[in-house]
């Protein structure tokens, strides 16, 4: 019933800090694995993380186009994550009528 598999998924995230961008991307790992497998997951173990794209975007804002300039930064990342998963394939579980 219990099966092991290795899967590579691509996730992305955005945030106002570098850590927030990575956290947003990593929070998408479980839903992406669930969507790809369709099985009940027991464990997801990251094995490798590759950074595909990492961007910093800077925008200068000014009040009334002239006053009080300030710089705002935002970050975005795209990651390829290879995960080892342990899952239960519900299609192989023999259910009985009761």
PDB file of N, CA and C in Angstrom:
ATOM      1  N   UNK A   1       0.813  -1.202   0.000  1.00  0.00           N
ATOM      2  CA  UNK A   1       0.000   0.000   0.000  1.00  0.00           C
ATOM      3  C   UNK A   1       0.851   1.257   0.000  1.00  0.00           C
ATOM      4  N   UNK A   2       1.868   1.270   0.822  1.00  0.00           N
ATOM      5  CA  UNK A   2       2.735   2.449   0.912  1.00  0.00           C
ATOM      6  C   UNK A   2       3.722   2.435  -0.238  1.00  0.00           C
ATOM      7  N   UNK A   3       3.804   3.561  -0.965  1.00  0.00           N
ATOM      8  CA  UNK A   3       4.690   3.656  -2.113  1.00  0.00           C
ATOM      9  C   UNK A   3       5.621   4.842  -1.962  1.00  0.00           C
ATOM     10  N   UNK A   4       6.812   4.699  -2.538  1.00  0.00           N
ATOM     11  CA  UNK A   4       7.764   5.798  -2.554  1.00  0.00           C
ATOM     12  C   UNK A   4       7.939   6.259  -3.993  1.00  0.00           C
ATOM     13  N   UNK A   5       8.134   7.558  -4.147  1.00  0.00           N
ATOM     14  CA  UNK A   5       8.297   8.122  -5.473  1.00  0.00           C
ATOM     15  C   UNK A   5       9.132   9.391  -5.375  1.00  0.00           C
ATOM     16  N   UNK A   6       9.711   9.776  -6.501  1.00  0.00           N
ATOM     17  CA  UNK A   6      10.457  11.028  -6.586  1.00  0.00           C
ATOM     18  C   UNK A   6       9.782  11.872  -7.664  1.00  0.00           C
ATOM     19  N   UNK A   7       9.576  13.144  -7.348  1.00  0.00           N
ATOM     20  CA  UNK A   7       8.818  14.019  -8.226  1.00  0.00           C
ATOM     21  C   UNK A   7       9.494  15.388  -8.262  1.00  0.00           C
ATOM     22  N   UNK A   8       9.521  16.026  -9.417  1.00  0.00           N
ATOM     23  CA  UNK A   8      10.057  17.377  -9.548  1.00  0.00           C
ATOM     24  C   UNK A   8       8.910  18.311  -9.902  1.00  0.00           C
ATOM     25  N   UNK A   9       8.766  19.367  -9.110  1.00  0.00           N
ATOM     26  CA  UNK A   9       7.695  20.336  -9.347  1.00  0.00           C
ATOM     27  C   UNK A   9       8.299  21.728  -9.430  1.00  0.00           C
ATOM     28  N   UNK A  10       7.566  22.627 -10.064  1.00  0.00           N
ATOM     29  CA  UNK A  10       8.010  24.015 -10.177  1.00  0.00           C
ATOM     30  C   UNK A  10       7.017  24.900  -9.432  1.00  0.00           C
ATOM     31  N   UNK A  11       7.542  25.726  -8.526  1.00  0.00           N
ATOM     32  CA  UNK A  11       6.713  26.634  -7.746  1.00  0.00           C
ATOM     33  C   UNK A  11       7.294  28.043  -7.839  1.00  0.00           C
ATOM     34  N   UNK A  12       6.447  29.030  -7.572  1.00  0.00           N
ATOM     35  CA  UNK A  12       6.908  30.415  -7.613  1.00  0.00           C
ATOM     36  C   UNK A  12       6.288  31.176  -6.456  1.00  0.00           C
ATOM     37  N   UNK A  13       6.939  32.270  -6.071  1.00  0.00           N
ATOM     38  CA  UNK A  13       6.432  33.084  -4.988  1.00  0.00           C
ATOM     39  C   UNK A  13       6.918  34.515  -5.092  1.00  0.00           C
ATOM     40  N   UNK A  14       6.136  35.410  -4.503  1.00  0.00           N
ATOM     41  CA  UNK A  14       6.479  36.832  -4.478  1.00  0.00           C
ATOM     42  C   UNK A  14       6.359  37.335  -3.049  1.00  0.00           C
ATOM     43  N   UNK A  15       7.160  38.365  -2.733  1.00  0.00           N
ATOM     44  CA  UNK A  15       7.095  38.947  -1.413  1.00  0.00           C
ATOM     45  C   UNK A  15       7.864  40.245  -1.346  1.00  0.00           C
ATOM     46  N   UNK A  16       7.682  40.950  -0.240  1.00  0.00           N
ATOM     47  CA  UNK A  16       8.368  42.225  -0.052  1.00  0.00           C
ATOM     48  C   UNK A  16       9.782  42.046   0.479  1.00  0.00           C
ATOM     49  N   UNK A  17      10.103  40.835   0.941  1.00  0.00           N
ATOM     50  CA  UNK A  17      11.465  40.501   1.352  1.00  0.00           C
ATOM     51  C   UNK A  17      11.874  39.207   0.653  1.00  0.00           C
ATOM     52  N   UNK A  18      13.164  38.921   0.674  1.00  0.00           N
ATOM     53  CA  UNK A  18      13.648  37.688   0.049  1.00  0.00           C
ATOM     54  C   UNK A  18      13.082  36.465   0.756  1.00  0.00           C
ATOM     55  N   UNK A  19      13.054  36.523   2.082  1.00  0.00           N
ATOM     56  CA  UNK A  19      12.533  35.398   2.860  1.00  0.00           C
ATOM     57  C   UNK A  19      11.046  35.182   2.593  1.00  0.00           C
ATOM     58  N   UNK A  20      10.301  36.257   2.435  1.00  0.00           N
ATOM     59  CA  UNK A  20       8.868  36.137   2.158  1.00  0.00           C
ATOM     60  C   UNK A  20       8.620  35.524   0.785  1.00  0.00           C
ATOM     61  N   UNK A  21       9.457  35.849  -0.184  1.00  0.00           N
ATOM     62  CA  UNK A  21       9.312  35.271  -1.521  1.00  0.00           C
ATOM     63  C   UNK A  21       9.593  33.767  -1.493  1.00  0.00           C
ATOM     64  N   UNK A  22      10.644  33.353  -0.783  1.00  0.00           N
ATOM     65  CA  UNK A  22      10.941  31.932  -0.669  1.00  0.00           C
ATOM     66  C   UNK A  22       9.861  31.208   0.124  1.00  0.00           C
ATOM     67  N   UNK A  23       9.373  31.818   1.192  1.00  0.00           N
ATOM     68  CA  UNK A  23       8.314  31.197   1.990  1.00  0.00           C
ATOM     69  C   UNK A  23       7.039  31.023   1.175  1.00  0.00           C
ATOM     70  N   UNK A  24       6.706  32.009   0.347  1.00  0.00           N
ATOM     71  CA  UNK A  24       5.519  31.908  -0.498  1.00  0.00           C
ATOM     72  C   UNK A  24       5.669  30.777  -1.513  1.00  0.00           C
ATOM     73  N   UNK A  25       6.871  30.619  -2.065  1.00  0.00           N
ATOM     74  CA  UNK A  25       7.106  29.539  -3.026  1.00  0.00           C
ATOM     75  C   UNK A  25       7.067  28.177  -2.339  1.00  0.00           C
ATOM     76  N   UNK A  26       7.699  28.057  -1.188  1.00  0.00           N
ATOM     77  CA  UNK A  26       7.754  26.767  -0.502  1.00  0.00           C
ATOM     78  C   UNK A  26       6.398  26.350   0.063  1.00  0.00           C
ATOM     79  N   UNK A  27       5.527  27.311   0.321  1.00  0.00           N
ATOM     80  CA  UNK A  27       4.196  26.961   0.816  1.00  0.00           C
ATOM     81  C   UNK A  27       3.339  26.326  -0.276  1.00  0.00           C
ATOM     82  N   UNK A  28       3.764  26.426  -1.514  1.00  0.00           N
ATOM     83  CA  UNK A  28       3.013  25.836  -2.621  1.00  0.00           C
ATOM     84  C   UNK A  28       3.447  24.408  -2.940  1.00  0.00           C
ATOM     85  N   UNK A  29       4.423  23.885  -2.230  1.00  0.00           N
ATOM     86  CA  UNK A  29       4.943  22.548  -2.534  1.00  0.00           C
ATOM     87  C   UNK A  29       3.876  21.482  -2.280  1.00  0.00           C
ATOM     88  N   UNK A  30       3.270  21.469  -1.104  1.00  0.00           N
ATOM     89  CA  UNK A  30       2.292  20.434  -0.787  1.00  0.00           C
ATOM     90  C   UNK A  30       1.084  20.453  -1.727  1.00  0.00           C
ATOM     91  N   UNK A  31       0.453  21.613  -1.988  1.00  0.00           N
ATOM     92  CA  UNK A  31      -0.666  21.590  -2.948  1.00  0.00           C
ATOM     93  C   UNK A  31      -0.259  21.136  -4.352  1.00  0.00           C
ATOM     94  N   UNK A  32       0.948  21.493  -4.792  1.00  0.00           N
ATOM     95  CA  UNK A  32       1.407  21.075  -6.116  1.00  0.00           C
ATOM     96  C   UNK A  32       1.627  19.566  -6.174  1.00  0.00           C
ATOM     97  N   UNK A  33       2.172  18.983  -5.113  1.00  0.00           N
ATOM     98  CA  UNK A  33       2.393  17.530  -5.070  1.00  0.00           C
ATOM     99  C   UNK A  33       1.051  16.810  -5.006  1.00  0.00           C
ATOM    100  N   UNK A  34       0.120  17.323  -4.213  1.00  0.00           N
ATOM    101  CA  UNK A  34      -1.215  16.711  -4.126  1.00  0.00           C
ATOM    102  C   UNK A  34      -1.904  16.724  -5.489  1.00  0.00           C
ATOM    103  N   UNK A  35      -1.775  17.833  -6.192  1.00  0.00           N
ATOM    104  CA  UNK A  35      -2.400  17.960  -7.506  1.00  0.00           C
ATOM    105  C   UNK A  35      -1.762  17.012  -8.519  1.00  0.00           C
ATOM    106  N   UNK A  36      -0.443  16.840  -8.435  1.00  0.00           N
ATOM    107  CA  UNK A  36       0.268  15.996  -9.384  1.00  0.00           C
ATOM    108  C   UNK A  36       0.020  14.510  -9.148  1.00  0.00           C
ATOM    109  N   UNK A  37      -0.126  14.090  -7.890  1.00  0.00           N
ATOM    110  CA  UNK A  37      -0.252  12.665  -7.605  1.00  0.00           C
ATOM    111  C   UNK A  37      -1.694  12.218  -7.420  1.00  0.00           C
ATOM    112  N   UNK A  38      -2.493  12.974  -6.713  1.00  0.00           N
ATOM    113  CA  UNK A  38      -3.866  12.576  -6.437  1.00  0.00           C
ATOM    114  C   UNK A  38      -3.971  11.487  -5.390  1.00  0.00           C
ATOM    115  N   UNK A  39      -2.912  11.257  -4.636  1.00  0.00           N
ATOM    116  CA  UNK A  39      -2.894  10.224  -3.603  1.00  0.00           C
ATOM    117  C   UNK A  39      -2.849  10.878  -2.221  1.00  0.00           C
ATOM    118  N   UNK A  40      -2.976  10.033  -1.203  1.00  0.00           N
ATOM    119  CA  UNK A  40      -2.856  10.502   0.176  1.00  0.00           C
ATOM    120  C   UNK A  40      -1.373  10.534   0.518  1.00  0.00           C
ATOM    121  N   UNK A  41      -0.880  11.703   0.914  1.00  0.00           N
ATOM    122  CA  UNK A  41       0.547  11.872   1.190  1.00  0.00           C
ATOM    123  C   UNK A  41       0.847  11.608   2.654  1.00  0.00           C
ATOM    124  N   UNK A  42       1.875  10.814   2.903  1.00  0.00           N
ATOM    125  CA  UNK A  42       2.339  10.571   4.260  1.00  0.00           C
ATOM    126  C   UNK A  42       3.536  11.448   4.605  1.00  0.00           C
ATOM    127  N   UNK A  43       4.424  11.634   3.620  1.00  0.00           N
ATOM    128  CA  UNK A  43       5.619  12.445   3.859  1.00  0.00           C
ATOM    129  C   UNK A  43       6.091  13.084   2.561  1.00  0.00           C
ATOM    130  N   UNK A  44       6.502  14.337   2.664  1.00  0.00           N
ATOM    131  CA  UNK A  44       7.132  15.045   1.554  1.00  0.00           C
ATOM    132  C   UNK A  44       8.503  15.479   2.043  1.00  0.00           C
ATOM    133  N   UNK A  45       9.544  15.009   1.367  1.00  0.00           N
ATOM    134  CA  UNK A  45      10.909  15.319   1.786  1.00  0.00           C
ATOM    135  C   UNK A  45      11.663  15.989   0.639  1.00  0.00           C
ATOM    136  N   UNK A  46      11.982  17.281   0.767  1.00  0.00           N
ATOM    137  CA  UNK A  46      12.734  17.951  -0.298  1.00  0.00           C
ATOM    138  C   UNK A  46      14.130  17.352  -0.423  1.00  0.00           C
ATOM    139  N   UNK A  47      14.533  17.081  -1.656  1.00  0.00           N
ATOM    140  CA  UNK A  47      15.854  16.512  -1.884  1.00  0.00           C
ATOM    141  C   UNK A  47      16.781  17.499  -2.563  1.00  0.00           C
ATOM    142  N   UNK A  48      16.227  18.312  -3.459  1.00  0.00           N
ATOM    143  CA  UNK A  48      17.055  19.280  -4.170  1.00  0.00           C
ATOM    144  C   UNK A  48      16.207  20.486  -4.543  1.00  0.00           C
ATOM    145  N   UNK A  49      16.822  21.670  -4.426  1.00  0.00           N
ATOM    146  CA  UNK A  49      16.148  22.915  -4.805  1.00  0.00           C
ATOM    147  C   UNK A  49      17.032  23.635  -5.815  1.00  0.00           C
ATOM    148  N   UNK A  50      16.465  23.918  -6.992  1.00  0.00           N
ATOM    149  CA  UNK A  50      17.181  24.679  -8.017  1.00  0.00           C
ATOM    150  C   UNK A  50      16.453  26.009  -8.211  1.00  0.00           C
ATOM    151  N   UNK A  51      17.218  27.080  -8.206  1.00  0.00           N
ATOM    152  CA  UNK A  51      16.650  28.398  -8.436  1.00  0.00           C
ATOM    153  C   UNK A  51      16.647  28.643  -9.939  1.00  0.00           C
ATOM    154  N   UNK A  52      15.465  28.726 -10.506  1.00  0.00           N
ATOM    155  CA  UNK A  52      15.321  28.962 -11.936  1.00  0.00           C
ATOM    156  C   UNK A  52      15.403  30.455 -12.227  1.00  0.00           C
ATOM    157  N   UNK A  53      14.702  31.246 -11.411  1.00  0.00           N
ATOM    158  CA  UNK A  53      14.682  32.689 -11.621  1.00  0.00           C
ATOM    159  C   UNK A  53      14.526  33.382 -10.269  1.00  0.00           C
ATOM    160  N   UNK A  54      15.321  34.418 -10.057  1.00  0.00           N
ATOM    161  CA  UNK A  54      15.221  35.234  -8.851  1.00  0.00           C
ATOM    162  C   UNK A  54      15.324  36.696  -9.282  1.00  0.00           C
ATOM    163  N   UNK A  55      14.278  37.462  -9.016  1.00  0.00           N
ATOM    164  CA  UNK A  55      14.221  38.854  -9.465  1.00  0.00           C
ATOM    165  C   UNK A  55      13.985  39.804  -8.303  1.00  0.00           C
ATOM    166  N   UNK A  56      14.632  40.947  -8.387  1.00  0.00           N
ATOM    167  CA  UNK A  56      14.377  42.042  -7.453  1.00  0.00           C
ATOM    168  C   UNK A  56      13.833  43.202  -8.278  1.00  0.00           C
ATOM    169  N   UNK A  57      12.729  43.749  -7.854  1.00  0.00           N
ATOM    170  CA  UNK A  57      12.106  44.853  -8.569  1.00  0.00           C
ATOM    171  C   UNK A  57      12.095  46.073  -7.656  1.00  0.00           C
ATOM    172  N   UNK A  58      12.607  47.197  -8.160  1.00  0.00           N
ATOM    173  CA  UNK A  58      12.647  48.434  -7.388  1.00  0.00           C
ATOM    174  C   UNK A  58      11.793  49.487  -8.066  1.00  0.00           C
ATOM    175  N   UNK A  59      10.968  50.141  -7.279  1.00  0.00           N
ATOM    176  CA  UNK A  59      10.096  51.201  -7.778  1.00  0.00           C
ATOM    177  C   UNK A  59      10.255  52.396  -6.855  1.00  0.00           C
ATOM    178  N   UNK A  60      10.469  53.580  -7.437  1.00  0.00           N
ATOM    179  CA  UNK A  60      10.563  54.798  -6.644  1.00  0.00           C
ATOM    180  C   UNK A  60       9.218  55.508  -6.675  1.00  0.00           C
ATOM    181  N   UNK A  61       8.651  55.682  -5.486  1.00  0.00           N
ATOM    182  CA  UNK A  61       7.372  56.375  -5.366  1.00  0.00           C
ATOM    183  C   UNK A  61       7.622  57.779  -4.848  1.00  0.00           C
ATOM    184  N   UNK A  62       6.823  58.729  -5.341  1.00  0.00           N
ATOM    185  CA  UNK A  62       6.931  60.113  -4.885  1.00  0.00           C
ATOM    186  C   UNK A  62       5.539  60.655  -4.598  1.00  0.00           C
ATOM    187  N   UNK A  63       5.437  61.421  -3.556  1.00  0.00           N
ATOM    188  CA  UNK A  63       4.179  62.068  -3.201  1.00  0.00           C
ATOM    189  C   UNK A  63       3.983  63.278  -4.100  1.00  0.00           C
ATOM    190  N   UNK A  64       2.860  63.335  -4.790  1.00  0.00           N
ATOM    191  CA  UNK A  64       2.555  64.403  -5.748  1.00  0.00           C
ATOM    192  C   UNK A  64       3.641  64.557  -6.813  1.00  0.00           C
ATOM    193  N   UNK A  65       4.208  63.443  -7.233  1.00  0.00           N
ATOM    194  CA  UNK A  65       5.212  63.343  -8.303  1.00  0.00           C
ATOM    195  C   UNK A  65       6.555  64.006  -7.987  1.00  0.00           C
ATOM    196  N   UNK A  66       6.690  64.722  -6.874  1.00  0.00           N
ATOM    197  CA  UNK A  66       7.946  65.414  -6.571  1.00  0.00           C
ATOM    198  C   UNK A  66       8.447  65.168  -5.150  1.00  0.00           C
ATOM    199  N   UNK A  67       7.554  65.098  -4.180  1.00  0.00           N
ATOM    200  CA  UNK A  67       7.929  65.140  -2.771  1.00  0.00           C
ATOM    201  C   UNK A  67       8.088  63.737  -2.169  1.00  0.00           C
ATOM    202  N   UNK A  68       8.922  63.683  -1.180  1.00  0.00           N
ATOM    203  CA  UNK A  68       9.144  62.495  -0.364  1.00  0.00           C
ATOM    204  C   UNK A  68       9.363  61.213  -1.181  1.00  0.00           C
ATOM    205  N   UNK A  69      10.422  61.165  -1.969  1.00  0.00           N
ATOM    206  CA  UNK A  69      10.670  59.932  -2.733  1.00  0.00           C
ATOM    207  C   UNK A  69      11.073  58.780  -1.809  1.00  0.00           C
ATOM    208  N   UNK A  70      10.557  57.613  -2.103  1.00  0.00           N
ATOM    209  CA  UNK A  70      10.964  56.415  -1.359  1.00  0.00           C
ATOM    210  C   UNK A  70      11.019  55.257  -2.339  1.00  0.00           C
ATOM    211  N   UNK A  71      11.890  54.338  -2.029  1.00  0.00           N
ATOM    212  CA  UNK A  71      12.104  53.189  -2.903  1.00  0.00           C
ATOM    213  C   UNK A  71      11.441  51.964  -2.301  1.00  0.00           C
ATOM    214  N   UNK A  72      10.613  51.296  -3.082  1.00  0.00           N
ATOM    215  CA  UNK A  72       9.968  50.054  -2.649  1.00  0.00           C
ATOM    216  C   UNK A  72      10.590  48.902  -3.424  1.00  0.00           C
ATOM    217  N   UNK A  73      10.829  47.804  -2.729  1.00  0.00           N
ATOM    218  CA  UNK A  73      11.416  46.619  -3.341  1.00  0.00           C
ATOM    219  C   UNK A  73      10.419  45.469  -3.252  1.00  0.00           C
ATOM    220  N   UNK A  74      10.422  44.648  -4.277  1.00  0.00           N
ATOM    221  CA  UNK A  74       9.669  43.396  -4.227  1.00  0.00           C
ATOM    222  C   UNK A  74      10.525  42.315  -4.876  1.00  0.00           C
ATOM    223  N   UNK A  75      10.345  41.117  -4.412  1.00  0.00           N
ATOM    224  CA  UNK A  75      11.158  39.990  -4.859  1.00  0.00           C
ATOM    225  C   UNK A  75      10.250  38.891  -5.388  1.00  0.00           C
ATOM    226  N   UNK A  76      10.739  38.170  -6.388  1.00  0.00           N
ATOM    227  CA  UNK A  76      10.020  37.004  -6.898  1.00  0.00           C
ATOM    228  C   UNK A  76      11.030  35.909  -7.223  1.00  0.00           C
ATOM    229  N   UNK A  77      10.622  34.670  -6.976  1.00  0.00           N
ATOM    230  CA  UNK A  77      11.479  33.519  -7.243  1.00  0.00           C
ATOM    231  C   UNK A  77      10.670  32.426  -7.935  1.00  0.00           C
ATOM    232  N   UNK A  78      11.353  31.673  -8.772  1.00  0.00           N
ATOM    233  CA  UNK A  78      10.802  30.470  -9.385  1.00  0.00           C
ATOM    234  C   UNK A  78      11.775  29.345  -9.058  1.00  0.00           C
ATOM    235  N   UNK A  79      11.260  28.267  -8.469  1.00  0.00           N
ATOM    236  CA  UNK A  79      12.099  27.172  -7.995  1.00  0.00           C
ATOM    237  C   UNK A  79      11.663  25.855  -8.615  1.00  0.00           C
ATOM    238  N   UNK A  80      12.625  25.009  -8.944  1.00  0.00           N
ATOM    239  CA  UNK A  80      12.383  23.601  -9.270  1.00  0.00           C
ATOM    240  C   UNK A  80      12.780  22.807  -8.040  1.00  0.00           C
ATOM    241  N   UNK A  81      11.820  22.093  -7.476  1.00  0.00           N
ATOM    242  CA  UNK A  81      12.075  21.348  -6.251  1.00  0.00           C
ATOM    243  C   UNK A  81      11.864  19.869  -6.530  1.00  0.00           C
ATOM    244  N   UNK A  82      12.884  19.082  -6.238  1.00  0.00           N
ATOM    245  CA  UNK A  82      12.781  17.625  -6.345  1.00  0.00           C
ATOM    246  C   UNK A  82      12.450  17.099  -4.956  1.00  0.00           C
ATOM    247  N   UNK A  83      11.327  16.390  -4.856  1.00  0.00           N
ATOM    248  CA  UNK A  83      10.869  15.892  -3.561  1.00  0.00           C
ATOM    249  C   UNK A  83      10.730  14.378  -3.615  1.00  0.00           C
ATOM    250  N   UNK A  84      11.072  13.761  -2.513  1.00  0.00           N
ATOM    251  CA  UNK A  84      10.790  12.338  -2.326  1.00  0.00           C
ATOM    252  C   UNK A  84       9.492  12.248  -1.554  1.00  0.00           C
ATOM    253  N   UNK A  85       8.549  11.468  -2.048  1.00  0.00           N
ATOM    254  CA  UNK A  85       7.254  11.382  -1.378  1.00  0.00           C
ATOM    255  C   UNK A  85       6.960   9.939  -0.998  1.00  0.00           C
ATOM    256  N   UNK A  86       6.303   9.782   0.130  1.00  0.00           N
ATOM    257  CA  UNK A  86       5.767   8.497   0.558  1.00  0.00           C
ATOM    258  C   UNK A  86       4.261   8.688   0.589  1.00  0.00           C
ATOM    259  N   UNK A  87       3.548   7.828  -0.135  1.00  0.00           N
ATOM    260  CA  UNK A  87       2.120   8.034  -0.301  1.00  0.00           C
ATOM    261  C   UNK A  87       1.373   6.710  -0.227  1.00  0.00           C
ATOM    262  N   UNK A  88       0.065   6.830  -0.056  1.00  0.00           N
ATOM    263  CA  UNK A  88      -0.831   5.684  -0.123  1.00  0.00           C
ATOM    264  C   UNK A  88      -1.709   5.891  -1.345  1.00  0.00           C
ATOM    265  N   UNK A  89      -1.649   4.954  -2.272  1.00  0.00           N
ATOM    266  CA  UNK A  89      -2.479   5.033  -3.470  1.00  0.00           C
ATOM    267  C   UNK A  89      -3.855   4.478  -3.114  1.00  0.00           C
ATOM    268  N   UNK A  90      -4.847   5.333  -3.054  1.00  0.00           N
ATOM    269  CA  UNK A  90      -6.187   4.927  -2.629  1.00  0.00           C
ATOM    270  C   UNK A  90      -6.877   4.035  -3.657  1.00  0.00           C
ATOM    271  N   UNK A  91      -6.392   4.040  -4.884  1.00  0.00           N
ATOM    272  CA  UNK A  91      -6.983   3.181  -5.909  1.00  0.00           C
ATOM    273  C   UNK A  91      -6.628   1.708  -5.674  1.00  0.00           C
ATOM    274  N   UNK A  92      -5.536   1.449  -4.971  1.00  0.00           N
ATOM    275  CA  UNK A  92      -5.098   0.080  -4.726  1.00  0.00           C
ATOM    276  C   UNK A  92      -5.608  -0.492  -3.399  1.00  0.00           C
ATOM    277  N   UNK A  93      -6.339   0.309  -2.636  1.00  0.00           N
ATOM    278  CA  UNK A  93      -6.857  -0.148  -1.344  1.00  0.00           C
ATOM    279  C   UNK A  93      -8.163  -0.906  -1.597  1.00  0.00           C
ATOM    280  N   UNK A  94      -8.245  -2.167  -1.139  1.00  0.00           N
ATOM    281  CA  UNK A  94      -9.472  -2.937  -1.361  1.00  0.00           C
ATOM    282  C   UNK A  94     -10.552  -2.554  -0.329  1.00  0.00           C
ATOM    283  N   UNK A  95     -11.582  -1.874  -0.789  1.00  0.00           N
ATOM    284  CA  UNK A  95     -12.697  -1.514   0.072  1.00  0.00           C
ATOM    285  C   UNK A  95     -13.780  -2.587  -0.037  1.00  0.00           C
ATOM    286  N   UNK A  96     -14.457  -2.870   1.071  1.00  0.00           N
ATOM    287  CA  UNK A  96     -15.533  -3.859   1.071  1.00  0.00           C
ATOM    288  C   UNK A  96     -16.864  -3.169   1.313  1.00  0.00           C
ATOM    289  N   UNK A  97     -17.902  -3.763   0.819  1.00  0.00           N
ATOM    290  CA  UNK A  97     -19.253  -3.240   1.055  1.00  0.00           C
ATOM    291  C   UNK A  97     -19.685  -3.662   2.437  1.00  0.00           C
ATOM    292  N   UNK A  98     -20.303  -2.747   3.159  1.00  0.00           N
ATOM    293  CA  UNK A  98     -20.681  -3.095   4.517  1.00  0.00           C
ATOM    294  C   UNK A  98     -22.043  -2.692   4.903  1.00  0.00           C
TER     295      UNK A  98
END
